[in-house]
Amino acid sequence: MGAEAATPPAVLLVPFPAQGHVTPMLRLARALAAHGAAVTVAVPDFIYRRIAGTAAGSDEDGVALASIPSGVADVGDGDPPGFADFGHAMEHHMPAHLERLLARRRVACVVVDVLASWAVPVAERCGVPAAGFWPAMLASYRVVAAIPELMEEGLISESGTPCSWFPYSLSLRRTLDCA
């Protein structure tokens, strides 16, 4: 038996279609690709049209983009469709297209933005494990990690109460016992 080349695991990422979600998902995708995974980020067509061919949508970093038809009218005037439009699309139009995408590819795992949870049952139906991703986690972690410094600077008390916050007056600071 000859040595066979190991195929990198394929991972499909499904972000919620908003900048604060797509950008962190693309960063995660690049990190996974840097570790040898074959990564595809599946975005609604109206997001795909905005980022394909840009630095964010370049596949030079080992990350491929896949467009999922959303059924949402996008006039391309720079403003993305409204929340109600793409919310409806995620629940009623995009699942069938994601299912077809998963049927055409051999995917080891689907990473789903928790606000795009519609993709979890699709992955389940296709027999593909799904993992949740919440872009706010790093921000939340950074706030928690900064607590000792915030206390040292006198910005919060040991109980977490703000002590030196711009809107609060000095009298409130004394009231909060943050001397």
N, C-alpha and C. Protein backbone atom coordinates (compact mmCIF):
# COMPACT_ATOMS: atom_id res chain seq x y z
N MET A 1 0.84 -1.17 0.00
CA MET A 1 0.00 0.00 0.00
C MET A 1 0.88 1.23 0.00
N GLY A 2 0.62 2.16 -0.93
CA GLY A 2 1.38 3.40 -0.99
C GLY A 2 0.84 4.41 0.00
N ALA A 3 1.66 5.36 0.27
CA ALA A 3 1.23 6.43 1.18
C ALA A 3 0.21 7.31 0.47
N GLU A 4 -0.91 7.52 1.11
CA GLU A 4 -1.94 8.37 0.54
C GLU A 4 -1.85 9.75 1.18
N ALA A 5 -2.08 10.75 0.36
CA ALA A 5 -2.08 12.11 0.89
C ALA A 5 -3.32 12.31 1.76
N ALA A 6 -3.11 12.84 2.93
CA ALA A 6 -4.24 13.09 3.83
C ALA A 6 -5.06 14.26 3.29
N THR A 7 -6.35 14.07 3.25
CA THR A 7 -7.23 15.14 2.80
C THR A 7 -7.55 16.02 4.00
N PRO A 8 -7.38 17.33 3.84
CA PRO A 8 -7.69 18.20 4.98
C PRO A 8 -9.18 18.16 5.29
N PRO A 9 -9.54 18.29 6.55
CA PRO A 9 -10.96 18.30 6.89
C PRO A 9 -11.64 19.52 6.27
N ALA A 10 -12.83 19.32 5.75
CA ALA A 10 -13.59 20.43 5.17
C ALA A 10 -14.54 20.97 6.23
N VAL A 11 -14.51 22.27 6.40
CA VAL A 11 -15.36 22.94 7.38
C VAL A 11 -16.17 24.01 6.64
N LEU A 12 -17.46 24.03 6.90
CA LEU A 12 -18.33 25.04 6.31
C LEU A 12 -18.79 25.97 7.42
N LEU A 13 -18.59 27.27 7.24
CA LEU A 13 -18.99 28.25 8.23
C LEU A 13 -20.19 29.03 7.70
N VAL A 14 -21.16 29.27 8.59
CA VAL A 14 -22.38 29.99 8.22
C VAL A 14 -22.55 31.17 9.18
N PRO A 15 -22.18 32.37 8.72
CA PRO A 15 -22.35 33.55 9.59
C PRO A 15 -23.76 34.13 9.49
N PHE A 16 -24.13 34.89 10.49
CA PHE A 16 -25.32 35.73 10.42
C PHE A 16 -24.96 36.86 9.45
N PRO A 17 -25.86 37.26 8.56
CA PRO A 17 -25.50 38.23 7.52
C PRO A 17 -25.44 39.68 7.99
N ALA A 18 -24.49 39.98 8.84
CA ALA A 18 -24.25 41.35 9.29
C ALA A 18 -22.76 41.51 9.52
N GLN A 19 -22.25 42.73 9.31
CA GLN A 19 -20.80 42.95 9.37
C GLN A 19 -20.17 42.49 10.67
N GLY A 20 -20.81 42.74 11.79
CA GLY A 20 -20.26 42.33 13.07
C GLY A 20 -20.25 40.83 13.26
N HIS A 21 -20.81 40.10 12.32
CA HIS A 21 -20.84 38.64 12.38
C HIS A 21 -20.01 38.03 11.25
N VAL A 22 -20.12 38.58 10.05
CA VAL A 22 -19.38 38.04 8.90
C VAL A 22 -17.89 38.22 9.09
N THR A 23 -17.47 39.40 9.52
CA THR A 23 -16.04 39.68 9.68
C THR A 23 -15.39 38.74 10.70
N PRO A 24 -15.94 38.56 11.91
CA PRO A 24 -15.31 37.60 12.83
C PRO A 24 -15.34 36.16 12.29
N MET A 25 -16.38 35.81 11.56
CA MET A 25 -16.45 34.45 10.99
C MET A 25 -15.36 34.27 9.93
N LEU A 26 -15.11 35.31 9.15
CA LEU A 26 -14.02 35.23 8.17
C LEU A 26 -12.67 35.11 8.87
N ARG A 27 -12.51 35.77 10.00
CA ARG A 27 -11.26 35.63 10.76
C ARG A 27 -11.09 34.21 11.29
N LEU A 28 -12.18 33.64 11.79
CA LEU A 28 -12.14 32.25 12.25
C LEU A 28 -11.81 31.33 11.08
N ALA A 29 -12.40 31.60 9.94
CA ALA A 29 -12.15 30.78 8.75
C ALA A 29 -10.66 30.81 8.37
N ARG A 30 -10.07 32.00 8.41
CA ARG A 30 -8.64 32.11 8.08
C ARG A 30 -7.78 31.35 9.08
N ALA A 31 -8.16 31.41 10.36
CA ALA A 31 -7.41 30.69 11.39
C ALA A 31 -7.50 29.18 11.16
N LEU A 32 -8.68 28.69 10.83
CA LEU A 32 -8.84 27.26 10.55
C LEU A 32 -8.05 26.86 9.31
N ALA A 33 -8.09 27.70 8.28
CA ALA A 33 -7.34 27.41 7.05
C ALA A 33 -5.84 27.40 7.31
N ALA A 34 -5.38 28.28 8.18
CA ALA A 34 -3.95 28.33 8.52
C ALA A 34 -3.50 27.05 9.22
N HIS A 35 -4.45 26.33 9.80
CA HIS A 35 -4.14 25.06 10.47
C HIS A 35 -4.45 23.86 9.58
N GLY A 36 -4.68 24.11 8.31
CA GLY A 36 -4.80 23.01 7.36
C GLY A 36 -6.22 22.60 7.00
N ALA A 37 -7.24 23.25 7.51
CA ALA A 37 -8.61 22.88 7.15
C ALA A 37 -8.96 23.49 5.80
N ALA A 38 -9.81 22.79 5.06
CA ALA A 38 -10.36 23.32 3.81
C ALA A 38 -11.65 24.05 4.20
N VAL A 39 -11.62 25.37 4.16
CA VAL A 39 -12.70 26.16 4.73
C VAL A 39 -13.50 26.88 3.65
N THR A 40 -14.82 26.80 3.81
CA THR A 40 -15.74 27.55 2.96
C THR A 40 -16.68 28.33 3.87
N VAL A 41 -16.88 29.59 3.54
CA VAL A 41 -17.83 30.42 4.27
C VAL A 41 -19.04 30.62 3.36
N ALA A 42 -20.18 30.15 3.82
CA ALA A 42 -21.41 30.25 3.04
C ALA A 42 -22.18 31.48 3.48
N VAL A 43 -22.32 32.43 2.57
CA VAL A 43 -23.01 33.68 2.88
C VAL A 43 -24.18 33.87 1.94
N PRO A 44 -25.19 34.62 2.37
CA PRO A 44 -26.30 34.92 1.46
C PRO A 44 -25.79 35.67 0.23
N ASP A 45 -26.48 35.51 -0.87
CA ASP A 45 -26.06 36.12 -2.13
C ASP A 45 -25.83 37.62 -2.03
N PHE A 46 -26.64 38.34 -1.25
CA PHE A 46 -26.47 39.79 -1.16
C PHE A 46 -25.19 40.16 -0.43
N ILE A 47 -24.71 39.32 0.47
CA ILE A 47 -23.40 39.53 1.12
C ILE A 47 -22.29 39.13 0.15
N TYR A 48 -22.48 37.99 -0.51
CA TYR A 48 -21.48 37.50 -1.46
C TYR A 48 -21.16 38.56 -2.52
N ARG A 49 -22.21 39.19 -3.06
CA ARG A 49 -21.99 40.22 -4.10
C ARG A 49 -21.18 41.39 -3.56
N ARG A 50 -21.28 41.65 -2.27
CA ARG A 50 -20.55 42.78 -1.68
C ARG A 50 -19.10 42.45 -1.36
N ILE A 51 -18.79 41.20 -1.06
CA ILE A 51 -17.42 40.90 -0.62
C ILE A 51 -16.62 40.05 -1.59
N ALA A 52 -17.26 39.35 -2.53
CA ALA A 52 -16.51 38.53 -3.48
C ALA A 52 -15.59 39.43 -4.29
N GLY A 53 -14.35 39.04 -4.41
CA GLY A 53 -13.39 39.81 -5.18
C GLY A 53 -12.71 40.92 -4.38
N THR A 54 -13.14 41.13 -3.14
CA THR A 54 -12.47 42.12 -2.28
C THR A 54 -11.43 41.37 -1.45
N ALA A 55 -10.67 42.12 -0.67
CA ALA A 55 -9.69 41.47 0.21
C ALA A 55 -10.39 40.54 1.19
N ALA A 56 -11.57 40.93 1.67
CA ALA A 56 -12.31 40.09 2.62
C ALA A 56 -12.77 38.80 1.96
N GLY A 57 -13.09 38.87 0.67
CA GLY A 57 -13.62 37.69 -0.01
C GLY A 57 -12.60 36.96 -0.87
N SER A 58 -11.34 37.33 -0.77
CA SER A 58 -10.30 36.69 -1.56
C SER A 58 -10.04 35.28 -1.04
N ASP A 59 -9.80 34.34 -1.96
CA ASP A 59 -9.50 32.97 -1.52
C ASP A 59 -8.00 32.73 -1.44
N GLU A 60 -7.21 33.80 -1.49
CA GLU A 60 -5.75 33.67 -1.37
C GLU A 60 -5.33 33.15 -0.02
N ASP A 61 -6.18 33.34 0.98
CA ASP A 61 -5.86 32.91 2.34
C ASP A 61 -6.36 31.51 2.63
N GLY A 62 -6.80 30.79 1.61
CA GLY A 62 -7.28 29.42 1.79
C GLY A 62 -8.73 29.31 2.18
N VAL A 63 -9.45 30.42 2.12
CA VAL A 63 -10.87 30.43 2.48
C VAL A 63 -11.68 30.69 1.22
N ALA A 64 -12.61 29.78 0.94
CA ALA A 64 -13.50 29.95 -0.22
C ALA A 64 -14.83 30.52 0.24
N LEU A 65 -15.46 31.28 -0.63
CA LEU A 65 -16.81 31.79 -0.36
C LEU A 65 -17.81 31.01 -1.20
N ALA A 66 -18.95 30.74 -0.61
CA ALA A 66 -20.05 30.13 -1.34
C ALA A 66 -21.27 31.02 -1.17
N SER A 67 -21.98 31.26 -2.26
CA SER A 67 -23.17 32.10 -2.23
C SER A 67 -24.40 31.22 -2.05
N ILE A 68 -25.23 31.58 -1.07
CA ILE A 68 -26.48 30.87 -0.85
C ILE A 68 -27.61 31.79 -1.31
N PRO A 69 -28.40 31.35 -2.29
CA PRO A 69 -29.52 32.19 -2.73
C PRO A 69 -30.45 32.50 -1.55
N SER A 70 -30.79 33.79 -1.41
CA SER A 70 -31.61 34.21 -0.28
C SER A 70 -33.05 34.50 -0.68
N GLY A 71 -33.26 34.79 -1.95
CA GLY A 71 -34.59 35.18 -2.37
C GLY A 71 -34.95 36.60 -1.97
N VAL A 72 -33.95 37.34 -1.45
CA VAL A 72 -34.18 38.71 -1.00
C VAL A 72 -33.81 39.66 -2.14
N ALA A 73 -34.71 40.58 -2.45
CA ALA A 73 -34.40 41.59 -3.47
C ALA A 73 -33.31 42.51 -2.94
N ASP A 74 -32.26 42.68 -3.72
CA ASP A 74 -31.14 43.53 -3.33
C ASP A 74 -30.90 44.48 -4.49
N VAL A 75 -31.21 45.74 -4.28
CA VAL A 75 -31.07 46.71 -5.37
C VAL A 75 -29.63 47.15 -5.58
N GLY A 76 -28.74 46.73 -4.68
CA GLY A 76 -27.32 47.01 -4.85
C GLY A 76 -26.95 48.47 -4.67
N ASP A 77 -27.75 49.23 -3.95
CA ASP A 77 -27.47 50.65 -3.75
C ASP A 77 -26.55 50.90 -2.56
N GLY A 78 -25.93 49.86 -2.05
CA GLY A 78 -25.03 50.01 -0.92
C GLY A 78 -25.65 49.60 0.40
N ASP A 79 -26.97 49.72 0.51
CA ASP A 79 -27.63 49.31 1.74
C ASP A 79 -28.05 47.86 1.64
N PRO A 80 -27.71 47.05 2.64
CA PRO A 80 -28.14 45.65 2.62
C PRO A 80 -29.64 45.56 2.86
N PRO A 81 -30.23 44.45 2.53
CA PRO A 81 -31.66 44.27 2.81
C PRO A 81 -31.93 44.42 4.30
N GLY A 82 -33.15 44.77 4.64
CA GLY A 82 -33.52 44.96 6.04
C GLY A 82 -33.58 43.65 6.80
N PHE A 83 -33.56 43.78 8.13
CA PHE A 83 -33.56 42.61 9.00
C PHE A 83 -34.75 41.70 8.74
N ALA A 84 -35.92 42.26 8.59
CA ALA A 84 -37.12 41.43 8.37
C ALA A 84 -36.98 40.60 7.10
N ASP A 85 -36.41 41.21 6.06
CA ASP A 85 -36.24 40.49 4.79
C ASP A 85 -35.27 39.32 4.92
N PHE A 86 -34.08 39.58 5.47
CA PHE A 86 -33.15 38.46 5.53
C PHE A 86 -33.48 37.51 6.66
N GLY A 87 -34.19 37.98 7.69
CA GLY A 87 -34.67 37.07 8.74
C GLY A 87 -35.63 36.04 8.16
N HIS A 88 -36.53 36.51 7.33
CA HIS A 88 -37.48 35.60 6.66
C HIS A 88 -36.74 34.66 5.72
N ALA A 89 -35.77 35.19 4.98
CA ALA A 89 -35.00 34.36 4.04
C ALA A 89 -34.25 33.25 4.76
N MET A 90 -33.66 33.56 5.93
CA MET A 90 -32.91 32.56 6.68
C MET A 90 -33.81 31.43 7.16
N GLU A 91 -35.03 31.75 7.48
CA GLU A 91 -35.94 30.72 7.99
C GLU A 91 -36.65 29.94 6.88
N HIS A 92 -36.94 30.60 5.77
CA HIS A 92 -37.82 29.99 4.78
C HIS A 92 -37.20 29.69 3.42
N HIS A 93 -36.13 30.37 3.05
CA HIS A 93 -35.59 30.19 1.70
C HIS A 93 -34.19 29.55 1.70
N MET A 94 -33.35 29.97 2.59
CA MET A 94 -31.96 29.55 2.57
C MET A 94 -31.70 28.12 3.04
N PRO A 95 -32.52 27.55 3.94
CA PRO A 95 -32.23 26.18 4.39
C PRO A 95 -32.15 25.15 3.26
N ALA A 96 -33.04 25.22 2.31
CA ALA A 96 -33.02 24.25 1.20
C ALA A 96 -31.74 24.40 0.38
N HIS A 97 -31.29 25.63 0.19
CA HIS A 97 -30.07 25.86 -0.59
C HIS A 97 -28.82 25.39 0.18
N LEU A 98 -28.82 25.62 1.48
CA LEU A 98 -27.70 25.12 2.29
C LEU A 98 -27.67 23.60 2.28
N GLU A 99 -28.84 22.98 2.34
CA GLU A 99 -28.91 21.52 2.30
C GLU A 99 -28.33 20.98 0.99
N ARG A 100 -28.64 21.64 -0.12
CA ARG A 100 -28.07 21.21 -1.41
C ARG A 100 -26.56 21.41 -1.43
N LEU A 101 -26.09 22.50 -0.84
CA LEU A 101 -24.65 22.75 -0.76
C LEU A 101 -23.96 21.65 0.04
N LEU A 102 -24.54 21.28 1.17
CA LEU A 102 -23.97 20.21 2.00
C LEU A 102 -24.03 18.86 1.30
N ALA A 103 -25.05 18.63 0.49
CA ALA A 103 -25.17 17.36 -0.23
C ALA A 103 -24.09 17.22 -1.29
N ARG A 104 -23.63 18.37 -1.84
CA ARG A 104 -22.61 18.34 -2.90
C ARG A 104 -21.18 18.27 -2.36
N ARG A 105 -21.01 18.54 -1.08
CA ARG A 105 -19.66 18.59 -0.50
C ARG A 105 -19.54 17.60 0.65
N ARG A 106 -18.34 17.12 0.83
CA ARG A 106 -18.06 16.27 1.99
C ARG A 106 -17.52 17.18 3.09
N VAL A 107 -18.35 17.44 4.08
CA VAL A 107 -18.02 18.40 5.12
C VAL A 107 -17.91 17.67 6.46
N ALA A 108 -16.82 17.94 7.18
CA ALA A 108 -16.61 17.30 8.48
C ALA A 108 -17.39 17.99 9.58
N CYS A 109 -17.62 19.31 9.43
CA CYS A 109 -18.27 20.08 10.48
C CYS A 109 -18.82 21.37 9.89
N VAL A 110 -19.93 21.82 10.45
CA VAL A 110 -20.50 23.12 10.11
C VAL A 110 -20.39 24.00 11.35
N VAL A 111 -19.82 25.18 11.19
CA VAL A 111 -19.73 26.14 12.28
C VAL A 111 -20.76 27.22 11.99
N VAL A 112 -21.70 27.38 12.91
CA VAL A 112 -22.85 28.25 12.70
C VAL A 112 -22.85 29.40 13.69
N ASP A 113 -22.97 30.62 13.20
CA ASP A 113 -23.19 31.77 14.07
C ASP A 113 -24.50 31.49 14.80
N VAL A 114 -24.53 31.68 16.10
CA VAL A 114 -25.73 31.32 16.85
C VAL A 114 -26.95 32.11 16.43
N LEU A 115 -26.77 33.28 15.81
CA LEU A 115 -27.92 34.01 15.29
C LEU A 115 -28.39 33.47 13.93
N ALA A 116 -27.62 32.57 13.35
CA ALA A 116 -28.01 31.90 12.12
C ALA A 116 -28.35 30.45 12.45
N SER A 117 -29.03 30.26 13.57
CA SER A 117 -29.31 28.91 14.07
C SER A 117 -30.17 28.08 13.13
N TRP A 118 -30.77 28.69 12.13
CA TRP A 118 -31.53 27.95 11.14
C TRP A 118 -30.66 26.90 10.45
N ALA A 119 -29.34 27.10 10.44
CA ALA A 119 -28.43 26.18 9.75
C ALA A 119 -28.17 24.90 10.55
N VAL A 120 -28.42 24.93 11.86
CA VAL A 120 -28.16 23.76 12.70
C VAL A 120 -29.04 22.58 12.31
N PRO A 121 -30.37 22.73 12.19
CA PRO A 121 -31.18 21.59 11.77
C PRO A 121 -30.86 21.11 10.36
N VAL A 122 -30.40 22.02 9.51
CA VAL A 122 -29.99 21.61 8.15
C VAL A 122 -28.79 20.68 8.25
N ALA A 123 -27.78 21.07 9.02
CA ALA A 123 -26.60 20.23 9.20
C ALA A 123 -27.01 18.89 9.80
N GLU A 124 -27.91 18.94 10.77
CA GLU A 124 -28.40 17.71 11.43
C GLU A 124 -29.03 16.76 10.41
N ARG A 125 -29.91 17.31 9.55
CA ARG A 125 -30.56 16.49 8.51
C ARG A 125 -29.54 15.87 7.57
N CYS A 126 -28.43 16.57 7.35
CA CYS A 126 -27.40 16.08 6.44
C CYS A 126 -26.38 15.19 7.14
N GLY A 127 -26.57 14.98 8.45
CA GLY A 127 -25.65 14.12 9.20
C GLY A 127 -24.29 14.75 9.46
N VAL A 128 -24.24 16.07 9.47
CA VAL A 128 -22.98 16.77 9.68
C VAL A 128 -23.01 17.42 11.06
N PRO A 129 -22.00 17.20 11.89
CA PRO A 129 -21.97 17.85 13.21
C PRO A 129 -21.92 19.37 13.06
N ALA A 130 -22.57 20.06 13.98
CA ALA A 130 -22.57 21.53 13.96
C ALA A 130 -22.03 22.05 15.28
N ALA A 131 -21.29 23.15 15.19
CA ALA A 131 -20.77 23.83 16.37
C ALA A 131 -21.23 25.27 16.30
N GLY A 132 -21.54 25.85 17.45
CA GLY A 132 -21.97 27.23 17.51
C GLY A 132 -20.81 28.19 17.64
N PHE A 133 -20.98 29.38 17.10
CA PHE A 133 -19.97 30.44 17.17
C PHE A 133 -20.70 31.73 17.52
N TRP A 134 -20.21 32.44 18.53
CA TRP A 134 -20.81 33.69 18.93
C TRP A 134 -19.73 34.75 18.91
N PRO A 135 -19.79 35.68 17.94
CA PRO A 135 -18.71 36.65 17.78
C PRO A 135 -18.48 37.54 19.00
N ALA A 136 -19.47 37.71 19.84
CA ALA A 136 -19.30 38.58 21.00
C ALA A 136 -18.44 37.93 22.08
N MET A 137 -18.14 36.67 21.96
CA MET A 137 -17.40 35.98 23.02
C MET A 137 -16.04 36.61 23.28
N LEU A 138 -15.30 36.97 22.24
CA LEU A 138 -13.99 37.58 22.46
C LEU A 138 -14.16 38.91 23.19
N ALA A 139 -15.12 39.70 22.75
CA ALA A 139 -15.34 40.99 23.40
C ALA A 139 -15.74 40.78 24.86
N SER A 140 -16.62 39.82 25.10
CA SER A 140 -17.03 39.53 26.48
C SER A 140 -15.84 39.07 27.31
N TYR A 141 -15.02 38.21 26.74
CA TYR A 141 -13.83 37.72 27.45
C TYR A 141 -12.89 38.88 27.77
N ARG A 142 -12.69 39.77 26.82
CA ARG A 142 -11.77 40.88 27.03
C ARG A 142 -12.25 41.79 28.16
N VAL A 143 -13.56 41.99 28.27
CA VAL A 143 -14.11 42.79 29.36
C VAL A 143 -13.84 42.11 30.70
N VAL A 144 -14.13 40.81 30.77
CA VAL A 144 -13.91 40.07 32.01
C VAL A 144 -12.42 40.06 32.36
N ALA A 145 -11.56 39.85 31.38
CA ALA A 145 -10.12 39.83 31.64
C ALA A 145 -9.60 41.18 32.11
N ALA A 146 -10.30 42.26 31.76
CA ALA A 146 -9.86 43.60 32.13
C ALA A 146 -10.34 44.03 33.52
N ILE A 147 -11.15 43.21 34.19
CA ILE A 147 -11.69 43.59 35.49
C ILE A 147 -10.61 43.99 36.50
N PRO A 148 -9.52 43.24 36.66
CA PRO A 148 -8.50 43.68 37.63
C PRO A 148 -7.94 45.06 37.29
N GLU A 149 -7.70 45.33 36.02
CA GLU A 149 -7.18 46.64 35.62
C GLU A 149 -8.23 47.73 35.85
N LEU A 150 -9.50 47.45 35.55
CA LEU A 150 -10.56 48.41 35.78
C LEU A 150 -10.68 48.75 37.27
N MET A 151 -10.50 47.75 38.12
CA MET A 151 -10.53 47.98 39.57
C MET A 151 -9.31 48.81 39.99
N GLU A 152 -8.15 48.44 39.47
CA GLU A 152 -6.92 49.14 39.82
C GLU A 152 -6.98 50.61 39.41
N GLU A 153 -7.61 50.90 38.27
CA GLU A 153 -7.74 52.27 37.79
C GLU A 153 -8.86 53.03 38.50
N GLY A 154 -9.62 52.33 39.35
CA GLY A 154 -10.70 52.98 40.07
C GLY A 154 -11.96 53.19 39.24
N LEU A 155 -12.07 52.46 38.15
CA LEU A 155 -13.24 52.62 37.31
C LEU A 155 -14.42 51.79 37.79
N ILE A 156 -14.14 50.66 38.45
CA ILE A 156 -15.20 49.84 39.04
C ILE A 156 -14.77 49.43 40.45
N SER A 157 -15.78 49.14 41.27
CA SER A 157 -15.50 48.66 42.63
C SER A 157 -15.31 47.15 42.59
N GLU A 158 -15.02 46.58 43.75
CA GLU A 158 -14.86 45.12 43.82
C GLU A 158 -16.14 44.38 43.46
N SER A 159 -17.27 45.05 43.63
CA SER A 159 -18.55 44.41 43.28
C SER A 159 -18.91 44.64 41.82
N GLY A 160 -18.10 45.42 41.08
CA GLY A 160 -18.38 45.68 39.68
C GLY A 160 -19.16 46.94 39.42
N THR A 161 -19.45 47.70 40.48
CA THR A 161 -20.19 48.94 40.34
C THR A 161 -19.30 50.00 39.72
N PRO A 162 -19.80 50.75 38.73
CA PRO A 162 -18.98 51.82 38.14
C PRO A 162 -18.65 52.88 39.18
N CYS A 163 -17.38 53.32 39.18
CA CYS A 163 -16.96 54.32 40.15
C CYS A 163 -16.62 55.64 39.48
N SER A 164 -16.01 55.59 38.37
CA SER A 164 -15.53 56.80 37.72
C SER A 164 -15.97 56.78 36.27
N TRP A 165 -17.25 56.78 36.09
CA TRP A 165 -17.81 56.72 34.75
C TRP A 165 -18.21 58.12 34.35
N PHE A 166 -17.96 58.55 33.17
CA PHE A 166 -18.19 59.92 32.73
C PHE A 166 -19.56 60.47 33.12
N PRO A 167 -20.65 59.77 32.89
CA PRO A 167 -21.96 60.37 33.19
C PRO A 167 -22.24 60.54 34.68
N TYR A 168 -21.52 59.84 35.54
CA TYR A 168 -21.82 59.90 36.97
C TYR A 168 -21.12 61.09 37.61
N SER A 169 -21.80 61.74 38.50
CA SER A 169 -21.22 62.88 39.21
C SER A 169 -20.36 62.39 40.37
N LEU A 170 -19.58 63.31 40.95
CA LEU A 170 -18.77 62.95 42.11
C LEU A 170 -19.65 62.54 43.28
N SER A 171 -20.83 63.16 43.41
CA SER A 171 -21.70 62.78 44.53
C SER A 171 -22.17 61.34 44.36
N LEU A 172 -22.45 60.92 43.14
CA LEU A 172 -22.85 59.54 42.89
C LEU A 172 -21.68 58.60 43.19
N ARG A 173 -20.47 59.04 42.84
CA ARG A 173 -19.29 58.23 43.13
C ARG A 173 -19.19 57.96 44.62
N ARG A 174 -19.41 58.97 45.43
CA ARG A 174 -19.35 58.79 46.89
C ARG A 174 -20.50 57.88 47.34
N THR A 175 -21.66 58.05 46.71
CA THR A 175 -22.83 57.23 47.06
C THR A 175 -22.55 55.76 46.79
N LEU A 176 -21.79 55.50 45.72
CA LEU A 176 -21.50 54.11 45.35
C LEU A 176 -20.36 53.54 46.17
N ASP A 177 -19.79 54.34 47.07
CA ASP A 177 -18.72 53.91 47.96
C ASP A 177 -17.49 53.45 47.17
N CYS A 178 -17.07 54.30 46.26
CA CYS A 178 -15.90 53.99 45.43
C CYS A 178 -14.76 54.95 45.71
N ALA A 179 -14.67 55.42 46.90
CA ALA A 179 -13.65 56.42 47.25
C ALA A 179 -12.32 56.05 46.78
